[in-house]
Amino acid sequence: MFAFSYPATFRKGRQDDRILVTFPDFPRSATDGATKAEAVEQAAGCLCSAIAFALAYKEEIPRPSASKRGQHMVPVPLWIAPKLALYWRMRDLGVNNSDLARKLGLTEAVVRRMLDPDHATKTAKLEAALEALGQKVVMGVEDVAAC
């Protein structure tokens, strides 16, 4: 099983007390917050934007690296994680949109929308696409550690 969360570094800014958040796996992405809670919230949005941008422009999206000392894991938002899983699986298998569309009995446009970060794809379609490529979605929850 694979956890959809990326390591992030949270540190106080040098010029002010804002908390700067950076992602080693997305070096062009950074955000900040006035408080730790705000920085965590902003980090989730920043991560989502970085993934959505890469999906939209068909860029390489790294798999999460291991968390190092002092880093915190930021989860990929639930609505985009299955799109990311499908994107990786298609790339790993060398399957293009048309290939997957044929497997599913759909048009290529439907598969394109499944990968579109701005399209609200139904979960059942994403699950069916992943299953056709040999994977299944498994949901998990865990307790949040006290901050």
C-alpha atoms as a PDB file:
ATOM      1  CA  MET A   1       0.000   0.000   0.000  1.00  0.00           C
ATOM      2  CA  PHE A   2       1.139   3.534  -0.725  1.00  0.00           C
ATOM      3  CA  ALA A   3       0.605   6.667   1.388  1.00  0.00           C
ATOM      4  CA  PHE A   4      -0.208   9.819  -0.550  1.00  0.00           C
ATOM      5  CA  SER A   5       1.668  12.404   1.479  1.00  0.00           C
ATOM      6  CA  TYR A   6       4.784  14.439   0.828  1.00  0.00           C
ATOM      7  CA  PRO A   7       7.459  15.648   3.238  1.00  0.00           C
ATOM      8  CA  ALA A   8       7.582  19.360   3.960  1.00  0.00           C
ATOM      9  CA  THR A   9       9.946  21.519   5.936  1.00  0.00           C
ATOM     10  CA  PHE A  10       8.404  24.130   8.236  1.00  0.00           C
ATOM     11  CA  ARG A  11      10.724  26.857   9.528  1.00  0.00           C
ATOM     12  CA  LYS A  12      10.464  30.406  10.836  1.00  0.00           C
ATOM     13  CA  GLY A  13      11.278  33.164   8.383  1.00  0.00           C
ATOM     14  CA  ARG A  14      14.425  35.213   8.904  1.00  0.00           C
ATOM     15  CA  GLN A  15      12.781  38.605   8.388  1.00  0.00           C
ATOM     16  CA  ASP A  16       9.569  37.912  10.287  1.00  0.00           C
ATOM     17  CA  ASP A  17       7.893  35.274  12.396  1.00  0.00           C
ATOM     18  CA  ARG A  18       5.957  33.709   9.503  1.00  0.00           C
ATOM     19  CA  ILE A  19       6.432  29.997   9.018  1.00  0.00           C
ATOM     20  CA  LEU A  20       7.889  29.108   5.626  1.00  0.00           C
ATOM     21  CA  VAL A  21       6.905  25.742   4.121  1.00  0.00           C
ATOM     22  CA  THR A  22       8.961  24.077   1.376  1.00  0.00           C
ATOM     23  CA  PHE A  23       8.661  20.705  -0.345  1.00  0.00           C
ATOM     24  CA  PRO A  24      11.844  18.822  -1.284  1.00  0.00           C
ATOM     25  CA  ASP A  25       9.944  16.907  -3.980  1.00  0.00           C
ATOM     26  CA  PHE A  26       8.566  20.142  -5.488  1.00  0.00           C
ATOM     27  CA  PRO A  27      11.454  22.621  -5.306  1.00  0.00           C
ATOM     28  CA  ARG A  28       9.483  25.361  -7.112  1.00  0.00           C
ATOM     29  CA  SER A  29       6.661  25.220  -4.551  1.00  0.00           C
ATOM     30  CA  ALA A  30       6.621  27.090  -1.255  1.00  0.00           C
ATOM     31  CA  THR A  31       4.112  28.829   0.968  1.00  0.00           C
ATOM     32  CA  ASP A  32       3.883  30.290   4.445  1.00  0.00           C
ATOM     33  CA  GLY A  33       1.545  31.025   7.315  1.00  0.00           C
ATOM     34  CA  ALA A  34       1.377  33.338  10.301  1.00  0.00           C
ATOM     35  CA  THR A  35       0.827  30.382  12.652  1.00  0.00           C
ATOM     36  CA  LYS A  36       1.667  26.689  12.529  1.00  0.00           C
ATOM     37  CA  ALA A  37      -2.009  25.846  11.871  1.00  0.00           C
ATOM     38  CA  GLU A  38      -2.203  28.358   9.031  1.00  0.00           C
ATOM     39  CA  ALA A  39       1.082  27.072   7.567  1.00  0.00           C
ATOM     40  CA  VAL A  40      -0.244  23.493   7.609  1.00  0.00           C
ATOM     41  CA  GLU A  41      -3.432  24.602   5.845  1.00  0.00           C
ATOM     42  CA  GLN A  42      -1.477  26.603   3.281  1.00  0.00           C
ATOM     43  CA  ALA A  43       0.892  23.654   2.744  1.00  0.00           C
ATOM     44  CA  ALA A  44      -2.004  21.400   1.741  1.00  0.00           C
ATOM     45  CA  GLY A  45      -3.200  23.965  -0.784  1.00  0.00           C
ATOM     46  CA  CYS A  46       0.287  24.537  -2.146  1.00  0.00           C
ATOM     47  CA  LEU A  47       0.877  20.802  -2.571  1.00  0.00           C
ATOM     48  CA  CYS A  48      -2.459  20.413  -4.320  1.00  0.00           C
ATOM     49  CA  SER A  49      -1.618  23.273  -6.698  1.00  0.00           C
ATOM     50  CA  ALA A  50       1.792  21.801  -7.517  1.00  0.00           C
ATOM     51  CA  ILE A  51       0.271  18.402  -8.324  1.00  0.00           C
ATOM     52  CA  ALA A  52      -2.632  19.904 -10.279  1.00  0.00           C
ATOM     53  CA  PHE A  53      -0.258  22.034 -12.348  1.00  0.00           C
ATOM     54  CA  ALA A  54       1.956  19.044 -13.141  1.00  0.00           C
ATOM     55  CA  LEU A  55      -1.067  16.923 -14.068  1.00  0.00           C
ATOM     56  CA  ALA A  56      -2.491  19.643 -16.305  1.00  0.00           C
ATOM     57  CA  TYR A  57       0.812  20.095 -18.138  1.00  0.00           C
ATOM     58  CA  LYS A  58       1.688  16.377 -18.209  1.00  0.00           C
ATOM     59  CA  GLU A  59       4.909  16.970 -16.308  1.00  0.00           C
ATOM     60  CA  GLU A  60       6.774  14.353 -14.331  1.00  0.00           C
ATOM     61  CA  ILE A  61       5.346  14.112 -10.818  1.00  0.00           C
ATOM     62  CA  PRO A  62       7.735  12.622  -8.282  1.00  0.00           C
ATOM     63  CA  ARG A  63       6.622   9.989  -5.873  1.00  0.00           C
ATOM     64  CA  PRO A  64       6.935  11.167  -2.272  1.00  0.00           C
ATOM     65  CA  SER A  65      10.405  10.896  -0.806  1.00  0.00           C
ATOM     66  CA  ALA A  66      10.942   9.615   2.698  1.00  0.00           C
ATOM     67  CA  SER A  67      10.480  12.106   5.481  1.00  0.00           C
ATOM     68  CA  LYS A  68      13.714  13.286   7.054  1.00  0.00           C
ATOM     69  CA  ARG A  69      14.283  14.552  10.556  1.00  0.00           C
ATOM     70  CA  GLY A  70      12.405  17.783  11.162  1.00  0.00           C
ATOM     71  CA  GLN A  71      10.052  17.331   8.209  1.00  0.00           C
ATOM     72  CA  HIS A  72       6.307  16.774   8.442  1.00  0.00           C
ATOM     73  CA  MET A  73       4.190  14.794   6.002  1.00  0.00           C
ATOM     74  CA  VAL A  74       1.504  16.754   4.148  1.00  0.00           C
ATOM     75  CA  PRO A  75      -1.292  14.591   2.717  1.00  0.00           C
ATOM     76  CA  VAL A  76      -2.400  14.883  -0.896  1.00  0.00           C
ATOM     77  CA  PRO A  77      -6.012  16.120  -0.905  1.00  0.00           C
ATOM     78  CA  LEU A  78      -8.495  13.279  -1.231  1.00  0.00           C
ATOM     79  CA  TRP A  79     -10.058  14.549  -4.463  1.00  0.00           C
ATOM     80  CA  ILE A  80      -6.777  14.548  -6.406  1.00  0.00           C
ATOM     81  CA  ALA A  81      -5.028  11.442  -5.015  1.00  0.00           C
ATOM     82  CA  PRO A  82      -6.827   8.920  -7.298  1.00  0.00           C
ATOM     83  CA  LYS A  83      -6.092  11.106 -10.342  1.00  0.00           C
ATOM     84  CA  LEU A  84      -2.429  11.096  -9.342  1.00  0.00           C
ATOM     85  CA  ALA A  85      -2.484   7.321  -8.837  1.00  0.00           C
ATOM     86  CA  LEU A  86      -3.996   6.844 -12.299  1.00  0.00           C
ATOM     87  CA  TYR A  87      -1.460   9.211 -13.856  1.00  0.00           C
ATOM     88  CA  TRP A  88       1.463   7.291 -12.316  1.00  0.00           C
ATOM     89  CA  ARG A  89       0.018   3.898 -13.223  1.00  0.00           C
ATOM     90  CA  MET A  90      -0.536   4.874 -16.844  1.00  0.00           C
ATOM     91  CA  ARG A  91       3.036   6.186 -17.087  1.00  0.00           C
ATOM     92  CA  ASP A  92       4.486   3.110 -15.372  1.00  0.00           C
ATOM     93  CA  LEU A  93       2.697   0.780 -17.805  1.00  0.00           C
ATOM     94  CA  GLY A  94       3.199   2.962 -20.875  1.00  0.00           C
ATOM     95  CA  VAL A  95      -0.571   3.227 -21.353  1.00  0.00           C
ATOM     96  CA  ASN A  96      -1.866   6.329 -23.116  1.00  0.00           C
ATOM     97  CA  ASN A  97      -5.353   7.850 -22.915  1.00  0.00           C
ATOM     98  CA  SER A  98      -6.565   6.024 -26.035  1.00  0.00           C
ATOM     99  CA  ASP A  99      -5.299   2.652 -24.757  1.00  0.00           C
ATOM    100  CA  LEU A 100      -7.116   3.082 -21.453  1.00  0.00           C
ATOM    101  CA  ALA A 101     -10.257   4.322 -23.183  1.00  0.00           C
ATOM    102  CA  ARG A 102     -10.359   1.129 -25.279  1.00  0.00           C
ATOM    103  CA  LYS A 103      -9.883  -1.027 -22.159  1.00  0.00           C
ATOM    104  CA  LEU A 104     -12.772   0.744 -20.447  1.00  0.00           C
ATOM    105  CA  GLY A 105     -15.042   1.055 -23.468  1.00  0.00           C
ATOM    106  CA  LEU A 106     -14.994   4.848 -23.201  1.00  0.00           C
ATOM    107  CA  THR A 107     -13.900   7.700 -25.410  1.00  0.00           C
ATOM    108  CA  GLU A 108     -10.452   9.228 -25.080  1.00  0.00           C
ATOM    109  CA  ALA A 109     -12.088  12.487 -23.984  1.00  0.00           C
ATOM    110  CA  VAL A 110     -13.529  10.762 -20.902  1.00  0.00           C
ATOM    111  CA  VAL A 111     -10.088   9.459 -19.922  1.00  0.00           C
ATOM    112  CA  ARG A 112      -8.601  12.912 -20.525  1.00  0.00           C
ATOM    113  CA  ARG A 113     -11.180  14.382 -18.119  1.00  0.00           C
ATOM    114  CA  MET A 114     -10.312  11.716 -15.523  1.00  0.00           C
ATOM    115  CA  LEU A 115      -6.786  13.139 -15.465  1.00  0.00           C
ATOM    116  CA  ASP A 116      -7.907  16.768 -15.572  1.00  0.00           C
ATOM    117  CA  PRO A 117      -7.389  18.323 -12.131  1.00  0.00           C
ATOM    118  CA  ASP A 118     -10.195  20.807 -12.811  1.00  0.00           C
ATOM    119  CA  HIS A 119     -12.767  18.137 -13.654  1.00  0.00           C
ATOM    120  CA  ALA A 120     -14.833  16.604 -10.838  1.00  0.00           C
ATOM    121  CA  THR A 121     -14.478  12.973 -11.886  1.00  0.00           C
ATOM    122  CA  LYS A 122     -16.685  10.460 -10.112  1.00  0.00           C
ATOM    123  CA  THR A 123     -14.728   8.189  -7.810  1.00  0.00           C
ATOM    124  CA  ALA A 124     -16.262   5.062  -9.387  1.00  0.00           C
ATOM    125  CA  LYS A 125     -14.748   5.976 -12.776  1.00  0.00           C
ATOM    126  CA  LEU A 126     -11.301   6.461 -11.288  1.00  0.00           C
ATOM    127  CA  GLU A 127     -11.601   3.190  -9.365  1.00  0.00           C
ATOM    128  CA  ALA A 128     -12.640   1.349 -12.537  1.00  0.00           C
ATOM    129  CA  ALA A 129      -9.726   2.827 -14.475  1.00  0.00           C
ATOM    130  CA  LEU A 130      -7.222   1.849 -11.796  1.00  0.00           C
ATOM    131  CA  GLU A 131      -8.719  -1.638 -11.555  1.00  0.00           C
ATOM    132  CA  ALA A 132      -8.388  -2.048 -15.341  1.00  0.00           C
ATOM    133  CA  LEU A 133      -4.686  -1.302 -14.843  1.00  0.00           C
ATOM    134  CA  GLY A 134      -4.264  -3.768 -11.978  1.00  0.00           C
ATOM    135  CA  GLN A 135      -4.684  -1.534  -8.949  1.00  0.00           C
ATOM    136  CA  LYS A 136      -7.419  -0.759  -6.436  1.00  0.00           C
ATOM    137  CA  VAL A 137      -8.117   2.186  -4.200  1.00  0.00           C
ATOM    138  CA  VAL A 138      -7.946   1.513  -0.459  1.00  0.00           C
ATOM    139  CA  MET A 139      -9.119   4.160   2.003  1.00  0.00           C
ATOM    140  CA  GLY A 140      -7.391   4.677   5.326  1.00  0.00           C
ATOM    141  CA  VAL A 141      -7.577   7.010   8.275  1.00  0.00           C
ATOM    142  CA  GLU A 142      -5.225   7.610  11.136  1.00  0.00           C
ATOM    143  CA  ASP A 143      -5.266   9.641  14.311  1.00  0.00           C
ATOM    144  CA  VAL A 144      -3.697  13.071  14.100  1.00  0.00           C
ATOM    145  CA  ALA A 145      -0.779  13.511  16.465  1.00  0.00           C
ATOM    146  CA  ALA A 146      -1.154  16.320  18.972  1.00  0.00           C
ATOM    147  CA  CYS A 147       0.671  19.447  17.802  1.00  0.00           C
END
